[in-house]
């Protein structure tokens, strides 16, 4: 039987929001992260879903540098993520879900989940910006 208190926390935690690194650089912070989507619309974010190409692996720092179409971002805690190790090669196209640690000068994410999307990278890259826009429009 699970702890009733922990299920309440799980219910309150919002699902990950698909974002681009450039959006995090310009995010306002107060209580957490707030994306400004234009026309006065804002979207609070705590957990993110991002995709990008592995540019650099820094095993000594337990981090990886990724790049999406709007810039670079760092993902920390990669060695402790289940199935994260296969993603740790330059050139791989990966998905990462995690918690925002910093916004600038470069976004930093603490990884919770990673997956290698390299097999269909061209398709994932083409669709990613549209997926981000579609989800953010639905949530805001």
N, C-alpha and C. Protein backbone atom coordinates (compact mmCIF):
# COMPACT_ATOMS: atom_id res chain seq x y z
N UNK A 1 0.85 -1.18 0.00
CA UNK A 1 0.00 0.00 0.00
C UNK A 1 0.89 1.24 0.00
N UNK A 2 0.53 2.21 -0.80
CA UNK A 2 1.37 3.40 -0.89
C UNK A 2 0.97 4.42 0.17
N UNK A 3 1.89 5.32 0.44
CA UNK A 3 1.67 6.39 1.40
C UNK A 3 0.66 7.38 0.83
N UNK A 4 -0.46 7.63 1.53
CA UNK A 4 -1.47 8.55 1.00
C UNK A 4 -0.91 9.95 0.76
N UNK A 5 0.04 10.39 1.55
CA UNK A 5 0.65 11.71 1.36
C UNK A 5 1.40 11.82 0.05
N UNK A 6 2.09 10.73 -0.34
CA UNK A 6 2.87 10.79 -1.58
C UNK A 6 1.96 10.83 -2.80
N UNK A 7 0.80 10.17 -2.74
CA UNK A 7 -0.10 10.22 -3.89
C UNK A 7 -0.68 11.62 -4.06
N UNK A 8 -0.86 12.36 -2.98
CA UNK A 8 -1.33 13.74 -3.08
C UNK A 8 -0.29 14.61 -3.78
N UNK A 9 0.98 14.39 -3.45
CA UNK A 9 2.05 15.15 -4.09
C UNK A 9 2.07 14.83 -5.58
N UNK A 10 1.94 13.55 -5.95
CA UNK A 10 1.96 13.15 -7.36
C UNK A 10 0.80 13.80 -8.12
N UNK A 11 -0.36 13.89 -7.51
CA UNK A 11 -1.52 14.49 -8.18
C UNK A 11 -1.31 15.98 -8.42
N UNK A 12 -0.59 16.65 -7.53
CA UNK A 12 -0.39 18.09 -7.66
C UNK A 12 0.72 18.43 -8.64
N UNK A 13 1.64 17.52 -8.88
CA UNK A 13 2.76 17.81 -9.78
C UNK A 13 2.25 17.84 -11.21
N UNK A 14 2.44 18.98 -11.89
CA UNK A 14 1.98 19.07 -13.28
C UNK A 14 2.82 18.20 -14.20
N UNK A 15 2.25 17.77 -15.33
CA UNK A 15 3.04 16.97 -16.27
C UNK A 15 4.12 17.81 -16.92
N UNK A 16 5.13 17.17 -17.51
CA UNK A 16 6.19 17.93 -18.17
C UNK A 16 5.62 18.75 -19.33
N UNK A 17 6.18 19.93 -19.53
CA UNK A 17 5.79 20.80 -20.63
C UNK A 17 6.91 20.77 -21.67
N UNK A 18 6.54 20.56 -22.92
CA UNK A 18 7.52 20.57 -24.01
C UNK A 18 7.98 22.01 -24.23
N UNK A 19 9.30 22.22 -24.19
CA UNK A 19 9.86 23.57 -24.35
C UNK A 19 11.11 23.53 -25.21
N UNK A 20 11.46 24.70 -25.74
CA UNK A 20 12.70 24.91 -26.46
C UNK A 20 13.66 25.65 -25.53
N UNK A 21 14.94 25.44 -25.71
CA UNK A 21 15.92 26.07 -24.81
C UNK A 21 15.82 27.59 -24.83
N UNK A 22 15.55 28.16 -26.00
CA UNK A 22 15.42 29.62 -26.11
C UNK A 22 14.29 30.17 -25.26
N UNK A 23 13.22 29.40 -25.08
CA UNK A 23 12.11 29.83 -24.24
C UNK A 23 12.53 29.88 -22.78
N UNK A 24 13.35 28.95 -22.35
CA UNK A 24 13.79 28.95 -20.95
C UNK A 24 14.72 30.13 -20.66
N UNK A 25 15.54 30.51 -21.65
CA UNK A 25 16.44 31.65 -21.44
C UNK A 25 15.68 32.93 -21.14
N UNK A 26 14.49 33.06 -21.71
CA UNK A 26 13.72 34.30 -21.54
C UNK A 26 12.58 34.12 -20.53
N UNK A 27 12.54 32.99 -19.86
CA UNK A 27 11.46 32.72 -18.90
C UNK A 27 11.58 33.63 -17.69
N UNK A 28 10.46 34.05 -17.20
CA UNK A 28 10.44 34.83 -15.96
C UNK A 28 10.43 33.87 -14.80
N UNK A 29 11.06 34.23 -13.74
CA UNK A 29 11.02 33.37 -12.56
C UNK A 29 10.48 34.15 -11.40
N UNK A 30 9.64 33.55 -10.68
CA UNK A 30 9.09 34.09 -9.44
C UNK A 30 8.96 32.84 -8.60
N UNK A 31 7.78 32.29 -8.60
CA UNK A 31 7.60 30.97 -8.00
C UNK A 31 7.73 29.97 -9.13
N UNK A 32 8.94 29.55 -9.40
CA UNK A 32 9.18 28.63 -10.49
C UNK A 32 9.40 29.36 -11.79
N UNK A 33 9.15 28.68 -12.88
CA UNK A 33 9.40 29.21 -14.22
C UNK A 33 8.08 29.59 -14.87
N UNK A 34 8.06 30.71 -15.55
CA UNK A 34 6.87 31.14 -16.29
C UNK A 34 7.29 31.47 -17.72
N UNK A 35 6.76 30.71 -18.68
CA UNK A 35 7.03 30.98 -20.09
C UNK A 35 6.08 32.07 -20.56
N UNK A 36 6.61 33.03 -21.30
CA UNK A 36 5.79 34.07 -21.90
C UNK A 36 5.54 33.68 -23.35
N UNK A 37 4.28 33.43 -23.68
CA UNK A 37 3.94 32.87 -24.99
C UNK A 37 3.42 33.90 -25.98
N UNK A 38 3.39 35.17 -25.60
CA UNK A 38 2.87 36.18 -26.51
C UNK A 38 1.40 36.45 -26.24
N UNK A 39 0.95 37.62 -26.68
CA UNK A 39 -0.43 38.06 -26.47
C UNK A 39 -0.84 37.99 -25.01
N UNK A 40 0.11 38.21 -24.12
CA UNK A 40 -0.17 38.22 -22.70
C UNK A 40 -0.37 36.85 -22.07
N UNK A 41 -0.21 35.79 -22.87
CA UNK A 41 -0.38 34.44 -22.34
C UNK A 41 0.90 33.99 -21.64
N UNK A 42 0.72 33.34 -20.49
CA UNK A 42 1.86 32.79 -19.75
C UNK A 42 1.55 31.35 -19.39
N UNK A 43 2.61 30.58 -19.17
CA UNK A 43 2.47 29.18 -18.84
C UNK A 43 3.47 28.83 -17.74
N UNK A 44 2.98 28.50 -16.53
CA UNK A 44 3.90 28.09 -15.46
C UNK A 44 4.46 26.69 -15.77
N UNK A 45 5.75 26.53 -15.51
CA UNK A 45 6.43 25.27 -15.83
C UNK A 45 7.36 24.90 -14.69
N UNK A 46 7.36 23.63 -14.30
CA UNK A 46 8.34 23.16 -13.33
C UNK A 46 9.12 21.97 -13.89
N UNK A 47 8.42 21.08 -14.58
CA UNK A 47 9.04 19.91 -15.20
C UNK A 47 8.98 20.12 -16.70
N UNK A 48 10.11 19.87 -17.40
CA UNK A 48 10.16 20.09 -18.84
C UNK A 48 10.47 18.81 -19.60
N UNK A 49 10.09 18.82 -20.86
CA UNK A 49 10.40 17.76 -21.82
C UNK A 49 11.11 18.49 -22.94
N UNK A 50 12.35 18.12 -23.20
CA UNK A 50 13.15 18.78 -24.24
C UNK A 50 13.78 17.72 -25.13
N UNK A 51 14.16 18.12 -26.34
CA UNK A 51 14.86 17.24 -27.26
C UNK A 51 16.03 18.00 -27.86
N UNK A 52 17.10 17.28 -28.18
CA UNK A 52 18.23 17.92 -28.80
C UNK A 52 19.33 16.93 -29.15
N UNK A 53 20.34 17.46 -29.81
CA UNK A 53 21.49 16.66 -30.23
C UNK A 53 22.59 16.78 -29.19
N UNK A 54 23.19 15.65 -28.82
CA UNK A 54 24.29 15.65 -27.86
C UNK A 54 25.50 16.30 -28.52
N UNK A 55 26.00 17.38 -27.90
CA UNK A 55 27.16 18.09 -28.41
C UNK A 55 28.43 17.69 -27.66
N UNK A 56 28.30 17.53 -26.36
CA UNK A 56 29.48 17.26 -25.52
C UNK A 56 29.04 16.48 -24.29
N UNK A 57 29.83 15.46 -23.93
CA UNK A 57 29.58 14.65 -22.74
C UNK A 57 30.66 14.98 -21.72
N UNK A 58 30.25 15.32 -20.51
CA UNK A 58 31.20 15.64 -19.43
C UNK A 58 30.94 14.69 -18.27
N UNK A 59 31.51 13.47 -18.38
CA UNK A 59 31.26 12.45 -17.37
C UNK A 59 31.73 12.87 -15.99
N UNK A 60 32.86 13.60 -15.91
CA UNK A 60 33.37 14.05 -14.61
C UNK A 60 32.38 14.98 -13.91
N UNK A 61 31.55 15.68 -14.70
CA UNK A 61 30.56 16.61 -14.14
C UNK A 61 29.16 16.00 -14.15
N UNK A 62 29.06 14.72 -14.60
CA UNK A 62 27.77 14.03 -14.66
C UNK A 62 26.76 14.84 -15.48
N UNK A 63 27.23 15.42 -16.61
CA UNK A 63 26.34 16.26 -17.41
C UNK A 63 26.61 16.07 -18.90
N UNK A 64 25.68 16.57 -19.69
CA UNK A 64 25.78 16.52 -21.14
C UNK A 64 25.26 17.85 -21.69
N UNK A 65 25.90 18.33 -22.74
CA UNK A 65 25.48 19.56 -23.41
C UNK A 65 24.67 19.16 -24.64
N UNK A 66 23.43 19.65 -24.71
CA UNK A 66 22.56 19.36 -25.84
C UNK A 66 22.28 20.65 -26.61
N UNK A 67 21.89 20.51 -27.89
CA UNK A 67 21.52 21.67 -28.68
C UNK A 67 20.22 21.37 -29.41
N UNK A 68 19.25 22.30 -29.25
CA UNK A 68 18.04 22.23 -30.07
C UNK A 68 18.11 23.37 -31.07
N UNK A 69 17.05 23.63 -31.80
CA UNK A 69 17.11 24.64 -32.85
C UNK A 69 17.21 26.06 -32.34
N UNK A 70 17.05 26.26 -31.02
CA UNK A 70 17.12 27.62 -30.46
C UNK A 70 18.36 27.84 -29.59
N UNK A 71 19.20 26.84 -29.45
CA UNK A 71 20.42 27.01 -28.67
C UNK A 71 20.79 25.77 -27.87
N UNK A 72 21.74 25.97 -26.96
CA UNK A 72 22.23 24.86 -26.16
C UNK A 72 21.62 24.88 -24.76
N UNK A 73 21.68 23.71 -24.12
CA UNK A 73 21.26 23.58 -22.73
C UNK A 73 22.01 22.41 -22.11
N UNK A 74 22.18 22.47 -20.80
CA UNK A 74 22.91 21.44 -20.08
C UNK A 74 21.95 20.54 -19.32
N UNK A 75 22.23 19.25 -19.34
CA UNK A 75 21.45 18.29 -18.59
C UNK A 75 22.37 17.65 -17.56
N UNK A 76 22.00 17.74 -16.30
CA UNK A 76 22.80 17.19 -15.20
C UNK A 76 22.18 15.90 -14.68
N UNK A 77 22.99 15.12 -13.98
CA UNK A 77 22.51 13.89 -13.35
C UNK A 77 22.28 12.76 -14.35
N UNK A 78 23.00 12.78 -15.47
CA UNK A 78 22.73 11.83 -16.54
C UNK A 78 23.14 10.39 -16.21
N UNK A 79 24.14 10.19 -15.38
CA UNK A 79 24.58 8.82 -15.11
C UNK A 79 23.62 8.06 -14.21
N UNK A 80 22.76 8.76 -13.48
CA UNK A 80 21.83 8.08 -12.59
C UNK A 80 20.44 7.89 -13.19
N UNK A 81 20.26 8.33 -14.43
CA UNK A 81 18.96 8.19 -15.10
C UNK A 81 18.88 6.80 -15.73
N UNK A 82 17.79 6.07 -15.46
CA UNK A 82 17.65 4.75 -16.10
C UNK A 82 17.71 4.89 -17.62
N UNK A 83 18.49 4.05 -18.25
CA UNK A 83 18.69 4.04 -19.70
C UNK A 83 19.29 5.33 -20.24
N UNK A 84 19.91 6.13 -19.38
CA UNK A 84 20.53 7.37 -19.82
C UNK A 84 21.87 7.15 -20.50
N UNK A 85 22.60 6.12 -20.08
CA UNK A 85 23.95 5.91 -20.61
C UNK A 85 24.01 5.69 -22.12
N UNK A 86 23.06 4.97 -22.74
CA UNK A 86 23.13 4.84 -24.20
C UNK A 86 22.99 6.18 -24.93
N UNK A 87 22.47 7.19 -24.26
CA UNK A 87 22.28 8.51 -24.87
C UNK A 87 23.55 9.35 -24.85
N UNK A 88 24.57 8.89 -24.17
CA UNK A 88 25.74 9.73 -23.90
C UNK A 88 26.83 9.61 -24.96
N UNK A 89 26.49 9.93 -26.20
CA UNK A 89 27.47 9.96 -27.28
C UNK A 89 27.20 11.18 -28.15
N UNK A 90 28.25 11.96 -28.47
CA UNK A 90 28.05 13.11 -29.35
C UNK A 90 27.37 12.70 -30.65
N UNK A 91 26.42 13.52 -31.09
CA UNK A 91 25.70 13.25 -32.32
C UNK A 91 24.36 12.57 -32.13
N UNK A 92 24.15 11.93 -30.97
CA UNK A 92 22.86 11.27 -30.71
C UNK A 92 21.77 12.33 -30.56
N UNK A 93 20.57 12.01 -31.02
CA UNK A 93 19.41 12.89 -30.83
C UNK A 93 18.59 12.28 -29.70
N UNK A 94 18.39 13.04 -28.62
CA UNK A 94 17.78 12.47 -27.42
C UNK A 94 16.63 13.32 -26.90
N UNK A 95 15.81 12.67 -26.11
CA UNK A 95 14.73 13.31 -25.38
C UNK A 95 15.14 13.29 -23.91
N UNK A 96 14.84 14.38 -23.21
CA UNK A 96 15.11 14.43 -21.78
C UNK A 96 13.92 15.06 -21.07
N UNK A 97 13.52 14.46 -19.97
CA UNK A 97 12.54 15.07 -19.08
C UNK A 97 13.27 15.39 -17.80
N UNK A 98 12.97 16.56 -17.23
CA UNK A 98 13.66 16.91 -16.01
C UNK A 98 13.12 18.17 -15.38
N UNK A 99 13.77 18.55 -14.29
CA UNK A 99 13.39 19.71 -13.50
C UNK A 99 14.36 20.85 -13.80
N UNK A 100 13.82 22.03 -13.97
CA UNK A 100 14.64 23.20 -14.28
C UNK A 100 15.50 23.57 -13.07
N UNK A 101 16.83 23.70 -13.31
CA UNK A 101 17.76 24.10 -12.26
C UNK A 101 18.18 25.56 -12.42
N UNK A 102 18.28 26.03 -13.68
CA UNK A 102 18.71 27.41 -13.97
C UNK A 102 18.17 27.82 -15.33
N UNK A 103 18.07 29.14 -15.53
CA UNK A 103 17.57 29.70 -16.78
C UNK A 103 18.67 30.31 -17.63
N UNK A 104 19.58 31.05 -16.99
CA UNK A 104 20.59 31.75 -17.76
C UNK A 104 21.92 31.72 -17.02
N UNK A 105 23.02 31.87 -17.73
CA UNK A 105 23.08 32.25 -19.14
C UNK A 105 22.63 31.12 -20.06
N UNK A 106 22.57 29.90 -19.53
CA UNK A 106 22.13 28.76 -20.31
C UNK A 106 21.22 27.91 -19.44
N UNK A 107 20.13 27.38 -20.02
CA UNK A 107 19.25 26.52 -19.22
C UNK A 107 19.98 25.27 -18.72
N UNK A 108 19.68 24.90 -17.48
CA UNK A 108 20.22 23.69 -16.88
C UNK A 108 19.05 22.87 -16.36
N UNK A 109 19.01 21.61 -16.74
CA UNK A 109 17.94 20.69 -16.39
C UNK A 109 18.52 19.54 -15.58
N UNK A 110 17.85 19.13 -14.51
CA UNK A 110 18.22 17.93 -13.75
C UNK A 110 17.40 16.79 -14.33
N UNK A 111 18.06 15.82 -14.98
CA UNK A 111 17.37 14.75 -15.69
C UNK A 111 16.61 13.81 -14.77
N UNK A 112 15.42 13.43 -15.22
CA UNK A 112 14.61 12.42 -14.57
C UNK A 112 14.49 11.21 -15.50
N UNK A 113 14.43 11.50 -16.81
CA UNK A 113 14.31 10.45 -17.82
C UNK A 113 15.01 10.90 -19.09
N UNK A 114 15.64 9.95 -19.76
CA UNK A 114 16.26 10.22 -21.06
C UNK A 114 15.95 9.05 -21.99
N UNK A 115 15.88 9.35 -23.29
CA UNK A 115 15.68 8.30 -24.28
C UNK A 115 16.41 8.69 -25.57
N UNK A 116 16.98 7.69 -26.22
CA UNK A 116 17.68 7.90 -27.48
C UNK A 116 16.65 7.86 -28.62
N UNK A 117 16.55 8.97 -29.35
CA UNK A 117 15.61 9.07 -30.48
C UNK A 117 16.35 9.08 -31.81
N UNK A 118 17.62 8.68 -31.80
CA UNK A 118 18.47 8.79 -32.99
C UNK A 118 17.97 8.01 -34.19
N UNK A 119 17.31 6.89 -33.96
CA UNK A 119 16.88 6.05 -35.07
C UNK A 119 15.96 6.80 -36.04
N UNK A 120 15.09 7.65 -35.51
CA UNK A 120 14.18 8.45 -36.34
C UNK A 120 14.45 9.95 -36.13
N UNK A 121 15.71 10.31 -35.98
CA UNK A 121 16.09 11.68 -35.63
C UNK A 121 15.54 12.72 -36.61
N UNK A 122 15.59 12.46 -37.90
CA UNK A 122 15.12 13.45 -38.89
C UNK A 122 13.65 13.76 -38.67
N UNK A 123 12.85 12.75 -38.44
CA UNK A 123 11.42 12.95 -38.19
C UNK A 123 11.19 13.70 -36.87
N UNK A 124 11.87 13.27 -35.81
CA UNK A 124 11.72 13.93 -34.51
C UNK A 124 12.12 15.40 -34.59
N UNK A 125 13.22 15.69 -35.27
CA UNK A 125 13.67 17.09 -35.40
C UNK A 125 12.63 17.95 -36.12
N UNK A 126 12.09 17.42 -37.22
CA UNK A 126 11.09 18.17 -38.00
C UNK A 126 9.83 18.43 -37.19
N UNK A 127 9.42 17.48 -36.40
CA UNK A 127 8.15 17.58 -35.68
C UNK A 127 8.25 18.32 -34.34
N UNK A 128 9.45 18.42 -33.78
CA UNK A 128 9.59 18.90 -32.40
C UNK A 128 9.02 20.30 -32.18
N UNK A 129 9.37 21.27 -33.01
CA UNK A 129 8.87 22.63 -32.81
C UNK A 129 7.35 22.67 -32.89
N UNK A 130 6.77 21.91 -33.81
CA UNK A 130 5.31 21.85 -33.93
C UNK A 130 4.67 21.22 -32.69
N UNK A 131 5.29 20.17 -32.16
CA UNK A 131 4.78 19.54 -30.94
C UNK A 131 4.83 20.52 -29.77
N UNK A 132 5.93 21.27 -29.66
CA UNK A 132 6.08 22.25 -28.58
C UNK A 132 4.98 23.31 -28.69
N UNK A 133 4.82 23.88 -29.88
CA UNK A 133 3.81 24.92 -30.09
C UNK A 133 2.40 24.40 -29.81
N UNK A 134 2.10 23.20 -30.29
CA UNK A 134 0.77 22.63 -30.10
C UNK A 134 0.43 22.41 -28.63
N UNK A 135 1.35 21.82 -27.88
CA UNK A 135 1.10 21.57 -26.46
C UNK A 135 0.98 22.87 -25.68
N UNK A 136 1.88 23.82 -25.94
CA UNK A 136 1.83 25.09 -25.21
C UNK A 136 0.55 25.85 -25.52
N UNK A 137 0.09 25.80 -26.75
CA UNK A 137 -1.16 26.47 -27.11
C UNK A 137 -2.34 25.82 -26.36
N UNK A 138 -2.32 24.51 -26.25
CA UNK A 138 -3.40 23.80 -25.55
C UNK A 138 -3.39 24.09 -24.05
N UNK A 139 -2.21 24.27 -23.46
CA UNK A 139 -2.10 24.47 -22.01
C UNK A 139 -2.31 25.90 -21.57
N UNK A 140 -2.00 26.87 -22.44
CA UNK A 140 -2.05 28.29 -22.04
C UNK A 140 -3.45 28.87 -22.19
